Amino acid sequence: MKMGIQICKFFLFFFNFLFLIVGLGLTCLGTYVQVMATFSGFYPIGQKTSPFSTGLTMLIIAGFLTMLLAVVSNHGACMHKTSVLNVVRKILITDASYLFVYHNDL
């Protein structure tokens, strides 16, 4: 029984680590493109309401939230905090249901 719990903990840690890497990649990509666009004149970033600037900001925020969720979930898995894992589960279910209901509006 103890080995099964260890295997589940390992897989949870592994996939949360992958989410951490993906979130870091999204944040770095969004920041890099925004900095390059600002300093190299690649795109007129002076308009704060432009779709390009808004998209990059959303990419950075999505990457940061993915990293935050992965770190919190890893903490819950490694420290055996079921309350933390329940909060993460509820956040993921809420996000999935929101995307399912409003997928045409996005």
Protein backbone atom coordinates (compact mmCIF):
# COMPACT_ATOMS: atom_id res chain seq x y z
CA MET A 1 0.00 0.00 0.00
CA LYS A 2 2.82 2.40 0.81
CA MET A 3 4.47 1.80 -2.59
CA GLY A 4 1.27 2.77 -4.43
CA ILE A 5 1.14 6.07 -2.56
CA GLN A 6 4.78 6.74 -3.42
CA ILE A 7 4.12 6.06 -7.11
CA CYS A 8 1.12 8.42 -7.14
CA LYS A 9 3.20 11.06 -5.37
CA PHE A 10 5.99 10.66 -7.91
CA PHE A 11 3.63 11.04 -10.89
CA LEU A 12 1.96 14.07 -9.31
CA PHE A 13 5.35 15.66 -8.70
CA PHE A 14 6.56 14.81 -12.23
CA PHE A 15 3.55 16.29 -14.02
CA ASN A 16 3.55 19.37 -11.80
CA PHE A 17 7.22 19.84 -12.64
CA LEU A 18 6.29 19.68 -16.34
CA PHE A 19 3.59 22.32 -15.75
CA LEU A 20 6.19 24.45 -13.99
CA ILE A 21 8.49 24.22 -17.02
CA VAL A 22 5.62 25.05 -19.41
CA GLY A 23 4.58 28.04 -17.29
CA LEU A 24 8.16 29.27 -17.15
CA GLY A 25 8.42 28.90 -20.92
CA LEU A 26 5.21 30.87 -21.53
CA THR A 27 6.31 33.64 -19.20
CA CYS A 28 9.78 33.84 -20.74
CA LEU A 29 8.42 33.79 -24.29
CA GLY A 30 5.91 36.55 -23.62
CA THR A 31 8.47 38.69 -21.82
CA TYR A 32 11.11 38.16 -24.52
CA VAL A 33 8.77 39.09 -27.37
CA GLN A 34 7.47 42.13 -25.53
CA VAL A 35 10.98 43.38 -24.72
CA MET A 36 12.22 42.76 -28.26
CA ALA A 37 9.18 44.50 -29.72
CA THR A 38 9.68 47.49 -27.45
CA PHE A 39 13.39 48.02 -28.00
CA SER A 40 13.86 46.92 -31.59
CA GLY A 41 10.80 48.65 -33.04
CA PHE A 42 9.47 45.31 -34.27
CA TYR A 43 5.93 46.42 -33.52
CA PRO A 44 4.58 49.83 -32.46
CA ILE A 45 4.02 48.89 -28.84
CA GLY A 46 3.08 52.45 -27.88
CA GLN A 47 -0.60 51.58 -28.16
CA LYS A 48 -1.57 50.03 -24.86
CA THR A 49 -4.83 48.65 -26.26
CA SER A 50 -3.35 46.90 -29.27
CA PRO A 51 -4.18 43.19 -29.66
CA PHE A 52 -0.48 42.38 -29.78
CA SER A 53 0.25 43.97 -26.42
CA THR A 54 -2.87 42.47 -24.86
CA GLY A 55 -2.01 39.00 -26.15
CA LEU A 56 1.51 39.19 -24.77
CA THR A 57 0.24 40.35 -21.41
CA MET A 58 -2.23 37.47 -21.29
CA LEU A 59 0.55 35.04 -22.23
CA ILE A 60 2.73 36.30 -19.38
CA ILE A 61 -0.15 36.12 -16.89
CA ALA A 62 -1.14 32.61 -18.03
CA GLY A 63 2.45 31.43 -17.65
CA PHE A 64 2.75 32.96 -14.20
CA LEU A 65 -0.53 31.42 -13.02
CA THR A 66 0.51 28.02 -14.39
CA MET A 67 3.80 28.23 -12.50
CA LEU A 68 2.03 29.31 -9.31
CA LEU A 69 -0.49 26.48 -9.53
CA ALA A 70 2.29 23.94 -10.17
CA VAL A 71 4.34 25.15 -7.20
CA VAL A 72 1.35 25.09 -4.84
CA SER A 73 0.34 21.64 -6.06
CA ASN A 74 3.90 20.33 -5.64
CA HIS A 75 3.96 21.67 -2.10
CA GLY A 76 0.70 19.89 -1.35
CA ALA A 77 1.93 16.63 -2.85
CA CYS A 78 5.32 16.62 -1.13
CA MET A 79 4.07 17.72 2.29
CA HIS A 80 0.94 15.50 2.23
CA LYS A 81 -1.37 18.53 2.48
CA THR A 82 -4.73 17.28 1.27
CA SER A 83 -6.37 20.66 1.87
CA VAL A 84 -3.96 22.30 -0.59
CA LEU A 85 -4.58 19.59 -3.16
CA ASN A 86 -8.36 20.02 -2.73
CA VAL A 87 -8.03 23.76 -3.38
CA VAL A 88 -5.96 23.09 -6.51
CA ARG A 89 -8.52 20.52 -7.66
CA LYS A 90 -11.38 23.00 -7.21
CA ILE A 91 -9.50 25.69 -9.11
CA LEU A 92 -8.86 23.31 -12.01
CA ILE A 93 -12.49 22.13 -12.09
CA THR A 94 -13.74 25.73 -12.02
CA ASP A 95 -11.41 26.71 -14.87
CA ALA A 96 -12.40 23.70 -16.96
CA SER A 97 -16.11 24.30 -16.45
CA TYR A 98 -15.72 28.00 -17.30
CA LEU A 99 -13.89 27.14 -20.53
CA PHE A 100 -16.53 24.53 -21.40
CA VAL A 101 -19.43 26.96 -20.90
CA TYR A 102 -17.86 30.04 -22.49
CA HIS A 103 -15.69 28.47 -25.19
CA ASN A 104 -17.54 30.28 -27.99
CA ASP A 105 -17.03 33.70 -26.40
CA LEU A 106 -13.25 33.45 -26.07
